[in-house]
Protein backbone atom coordinates (compact mmCIF):
# COMPACT_ATOMS: atom_id res chain seq x y z
CA UNK A 1 -74.79 22.17 44.55
CA UNK A 2 -71.74 19.68 44.02
CA UNK A 3 -72.02 17.63 41.01
CA UNK A 4 -72.33 14.49 43.73
CA UNK A 5 -75.20 15.95 45.09
CA UNK A 6 -76.70 16.76 41.69
CA UNK A 7 -76.29 13.48 40.71
CA UNK A 8 -77.48 12.09 43.90
CA UNK A 9 -80.78 14.48 43.85
CA UNK A 10 -81.00 13.39 39.88
CA UNK A 11 -81.11 9.62 41.37
CA UNK A 12 -83.30 9.93 44.04
CA UNK A 13 -86.05 11.81 41.16
CA UNK A 14 -85.56 9.47 38.59
CA UNK A 15 -86.41 6.54 41.76
CA UNK A 16 -88.96 7.87 42.55
CA UNK A 17 -90.46 8.17 39.08
CA UNK A 18 -90.03 4.52 38.39
CA UNK A 19 -93.11 2.36 39.38
CA UNK A 20 -92.04 -0.72 41.04
CA UNK A 21 -92.75 -3.98 40.27
CA UNK A 22 -94.54 -5.56 42.35
CA UNK A 23 -97.38 -9.04 41.50
CA UNK A 24 -101.03 -8.57 42.33
CA UNK A 25 -103.56 -10.79 42.84
CA UNK A 26 -106.65 -10.48 40.68
CA UNK A 27 -109.73 -10.69 41.90
CA UNK A 28 -112.80 -12.79 40.67
CA UNK A 29 -114.15 -10.36 38.61
CA UNK A 30 -110.66 -9.21 36.67
CA UNK A 31 -110.32 -12.80 36.07
CA UNK A 32 -113.48 -13.44 34.69
CA UNK A 33 -113.40 -10.49 32.50
CA UNK A 34 -109.92 -11.40 31.53
CA UNK A 35 -111.13 -15.11 30.88
CA UNK A 36 -114.03 -14.18 28.66
CA UNK A 37 -111.84 -11.47 26.83
CA UNK A 38 -109.52 -14.26 25.65
CA UNK A 39 -106.37 -12.71 27.41
CA UNK A 40 -106.21 -16.40 29.79
CA UNK A 41 -106.68 -19.69 29.70
CA UNK A 42 -109.66 -21.13 32.04
CA UNK A 43 -108.13 -22.35 35.20
CA UNK A 44 -109.93 -25.39 34.86
CA UNK A 45 -107.52 -26.25 32.24
CA UNK A 46 -104.08 -25.64 33.72
CA UNK A 47 -105.41 -27.01 37.07
CA UNK A 48 -105.94 -30.27 35.38
CA UNK A 49 -102.72 -30.03 33.76
CA UNK A 50 -100.95 -29.44 37.88
CA UNK A 51 -102.76 -32.25 39.25
CA UNK A 52 -102.55 -34.62 36.30
CA UNK A 53 -98.42 -34.12 37.12
CA UNK A 54 -99.56 -35.80 40.48
CA UNK A 55 -102.09 -38.11 40.69
CA UNK A 56 -103.88 -38.24 43.81
CA UNK A 57 -102.92 -34.68 44.99
CA UNK A 58 -104.99 -32.05 46.27
CA UNK A 59 -105.65 -28.93 45.35
CA UNK A 60 -104.66 -26.39 48.41
CA UNK A 61 -104.75 -22.80 46.58
CA UNK A 62 -104.78 -21.13 43.37
CA UNK A 63 -104.16 -17.76 42.45
CA UNK A 64 -104.22 -15.58 39.44
CA UNK A 65 -101.27 -12.74 39.97
CA UNK A 66 -100.24 -9.93 37.48
CA UNK A 67 -96.86 -8.63 37.03
CA UNK A 68 -94.62 -6.95 34.86
CA UNK A 69 -98.20 -7.06 32.34
CA UNK A 70 -97.81 -10.88 32.34
CA UNK A 71 -100.68 -13.08 34.07
CA UNK A 72 -99.74 -16.45 35.67
CA UNK A 73 -101.63 -18.70 37.58
CA UNK A 74 -100.12 -19.99 40.59
CA UNK A 75 -101.27 -23.42 42.03
CA UNK A 76 -100.55 -25.21 45.52
CA UNK A 77 -100.76 -28.89 45.71
CA UNK A 78 -100.50 -32.03 48.32
CA UNK A 79 -98.82 -34.76 46.30
CA UNK A 80 -100.14 -38.26 47.95
CA UNK A 81 -96.91 -38.38 49.52
CA UNK A 82 -98.01 -35.32 51.32
CA UNK A 83 -95.63 -32.85 49.58
CA UNK A 84 -96.74 -29.47 49.14
CA UNK A 85 -95.78 -28.18 45.50
CA UNK A 86 -96.09 -25.27 44.23
CA UNK A 87 -96.58 -25.13 40.29
CA UNK A 88 -97.15 -21.94 38.07
CA UNK A 89 -98.20 -21.35 34.49
CA UNK A 90 -98.28 -18.22 32.30
CA UNK A 91 -101.81 -18.07 31.77
CA UNK A 92 -101.94 -16.63 28.49
CA UNK A 93 -100.49 -19.71 26.91
CA UNK A 94 -100.61 -22.81 29.31
CA UNK A 95 -96.37 -23.00 29.38
CA UNK A 96 -95.19 -24.05 32.74
CA UNK A 97 -92.84 -21.57 34.73
CA UNK A 98 -92.19 -23.55 37.66
CA UNK A 99 -92.67 -26.64 39.51
CA UNK A 100 -91.57 -26.65 42.84
CA UNK A 101 -91.51 -28.21 46.38
CA UNK A 102 -93.02 -25.16 48.49
CA UNK A 103 -91.06 -24.85 51.77
């Protein structure tokens, strides 16, 4: 086999062996278990922070996801002005990761 072909085969084999980094939404049972173990903060605590950022806003959606071993709460709000905001927190620490207008 030529050197180029060997390199290509090796590259393809390495790519096939690497896990794909994809965010995964966790269900309520997983979230409860993580909360009881003290791995993540309660959603209510971070939801209050999100709602306090935009007085008069309403919750549209909240999700807990894991990506690269880190847990994140993603919250969607509609503000009193009718703007949809996407706010993301690190679920273990409560650190604000993102706050932007959602398309």
